[in-house]
Protein backbone atom coordinates (compact mmCIF):
# COMPACT_ATOMS: atom_id res chain seq x y z
CA UNK A 1 -2.98 -12.14 -10.37
CA UNK A 2 -5.88 -11.81 -12.67
CA UNK A 3 -5.42 -13.70 -15.89
CA UNK A 4 -6.85 -15.75 -18.72
CA UNK A 5 -4.59 -18.31 -17.80
CA UNK A 6 -2.17 -17.95 -20.78
CA UNK A 7 1.55 -16.93 -20.40
CA UNK A 8 2.46 -15.10 -23.43
CA UNK A 9 5.68 -13.19 -22.88
CA UNK A 10 8.96 -13.19 -21.37
CA UNK A 11 12.30 -11.56 -20.83
CA UNK A 12 15.38 -13.19 -22.28
CA UNK A 13 18.79 -12.50 -21.29
CA UNK A 14 20.77 -15.20 -22.92
CA UNK A 15 20.52 -18.02 -25.55
CA UNK A 16 21.19 -21.20 -23.75
CA UNK A 17 19.38 -24.01 -25.77
CA UNK A 18 18.13 -24.50 -29.14
CA UNK A 19 14.63 -23.25 -28.48
CA UNK A 20 15.76 -20.22 -26.71
CA UNK A 21 18.16 -19.39 -29.77
CA UNK A 22 15.08 -19.73 -32.12
CA UNK A 23 12.93 -17.43 -29.87
CA UNK A 24 15.74 -14.62 -29.86
CA UNK A 25 14.97 -14.44 -33.57
CA UNK A 26 11.50 -13.03 -32.54
CA UNK A 27 12.39 -11.18 -29.68
CA UNK A 28 12.44 -7.48 -29.32
CA UNK A 29 15.56 -5.70 -27.59
CA UNK A 30 14.70 -3.34 -24.50
CA UNK A 31 16.48 -0.57 -23.00
CA UNK A 32 17.78 -2.62 -20.13
CA UNK A 33 19.59 -5.00 -22.74
CA UNK A 34 17.31 -7.90 -22.28
CA UNK A 35 14.89 -9.17 -24.88
CA UNK A 36 11.16 -9.24 -24.81
CA UNK A 37 9.89 -12.61 -26.55
CA UNK A 38 6.28 -12.61 -27.06
CA UNK A 39 4.23 -15.51 -28.53
CA UNK A 40 0.51 -15.18 -28.09
CA UNK A 41 -0.38 -18.37 -30.13
CA UNK A 42 -0.89 -21.50 -28.20
CA UNK A 43 1.22 -22.40 -25.21
CA UNK A 44 4.78 -21.82 -25.90
CA UNK A 45 6.92 -24.42 -23.91
CA UNK A 46 9.80 -21.96 -23.41
CA UNK A 47 7.40 -19.28 -21.92
CA UNK A 48 5.73 -22.02 -19.85
CA UNK A 49 9.21 -23.21 -18.49
CA UNK A 50 10.29 -19.75 -17.52
CA UNK A 51 6.81 -18.77 -16.11
CA UNK A 52 7.11 -22.03 -13.69
CA UNK A 53 10.46 -21.10 -12.74
CA UNK A 54 9.44 -17.53 -11.66
CA UNK A 55 6.53 -19.13 -9.70
CA UNK A 56 8.93 -21.33 -7.73
CA UNK A 57 11.15 -18.15 -7.20
CA UNK A 58 8.24 -16.11 -5.84
CA UNK A 59 7.42 -18.86 -3.49
CA UNK A 60 11.00 -19.33 -2.08
CA UNK A 61 10.93 -15.56 -1.53
CA UNK A 62 7.59 -15.70 0.34
CA UNK A 63 5.38 -14.13 -2.32
CA UNK A 64 2.03 -15.66 -2.26
CA UNK A 65 0.25 -15.99 -5.68
CA UNK A 66 -3.46 -16.21 -5.84
CA UNK A 67 -5.03 -16.52 -9.23
CA UNK A 68 -8.55 -15.41 -10.60
CA UNK A 69 -8.94 -17.38 -13.78
CA UNK A 70 -11.26 -16.05 -16.26
CA UNK A 71 -11.72 -18.85 -18.66
CA UNK A 72 -12.33 -22.59 -18.65
CA UNK A 73 -10.28 -24.01 -21.48
CA UNK A 74 -8.92 -27.16 -19.92
CA UNK A 75 -5.31 -26.63 -20.94
CA UNK A 76 -5.41 -23.36 -19.42
CA UNK A 77 -7.08 -24.62 -16.46
CA UNK A 78 -4.33 -27.10 -16.20
CA UNK A 79 -1.61 -24.49 -16.21
CA UNK A 80 -3.12 -22.46 -13.49
CA UNK A 81 -3.50 -25.61 -11.47
CA UNK A 82 0.28 -26.18 -11.81
CA UNK A 83 0.98 -22.63 -10.97
CA UNK A 84 -1.07 -23.02 -7.76
CA UNK A 85 0.37 -26.23 -6.79
CA UNK A 86 4.09 -24.77 -7.27
CA UNK A 87 3.10 -21.29 -5.48
CA UNK A 88 1.00 -23.07 -2.89
CA UNK A 89 -1.68 -20.49 -3.40
CA UNK A 90 -5.13 -20.23 -4.33
CA UNK A 91 -7.06 -20.37 -7.70
CA UNK A 92 -10.49 -18.89 -8.03
CA UNK A 93 -12.17 -20.18 -11.39
CA UNK A 94 -14.63 -17.42 -12.22
CA UNK A 95 -15.83 -15.24 -15.06
CA UNK A 96 -15.41 -11.57 -15.85
CA UNK A 97 -19.14 -11.24 -14.57
CA UNK A 98 -18.58 -12.73 -11.08
CA UNK A 99 -14.91 -11.56 -10.55
CA UNK A 100 -16.13 -8.77 -8.10
CA UNK A 101 -18.09 -10.98 -6.16
CA UNK A 102 -15.16 -13.46 -5.48
CA UNK A 103 -12.72 -10.82 -4.72
CA UNK A 104 -15.07 -9.17 -2.27
CA UNK A 105 -15.78 -12.40 -0.70
CA UNK A 106 -12.08 -13.16 -0.11
CA UNK A 107 -11.52 -9.64 1.24
CA UNK A 108 -14.12 -9.90 3.69
CA UNK A 109 -13.10 -13.35 4.76
CA UNK A 110 -9.62 -12.13 5.42
CA UNK A 111 -10.79 -9.16 7.38
CA UNK A 112 -13.04 -11.41 9.67
CA UNK A 113 -10.17 -13.53 10.41
CA UNK A 114 -8.15 -10.58 11.70
CA UNK A 115 -10.83 -9.16 13.67
CA UNK A 116 -11.50 -12.39 15.55
């Protein structure tokens, strides 16, 4: 996953809880019958909660999440650290300028391990 560290959208299927009911007022219906809720302003607690649930589901399903973080905002770094902890993955804190170097380094490292 390559990210600025900020979850800003989620699909909603129901309206359990006061916050979810409020969010549904701003959600857009999709063809599947679910609603797409977007909030690009700040860190929305509802979106964070659902994102962390999905990360846990991925881990339990054997899906590894490695993150390339493209910002150094402290609150976003904390969120990516939490995702990494739950996912038991890796987080690379980098910039757009250095991203290719880190991807290449990790790719070569994995290939070396497979050969030996």
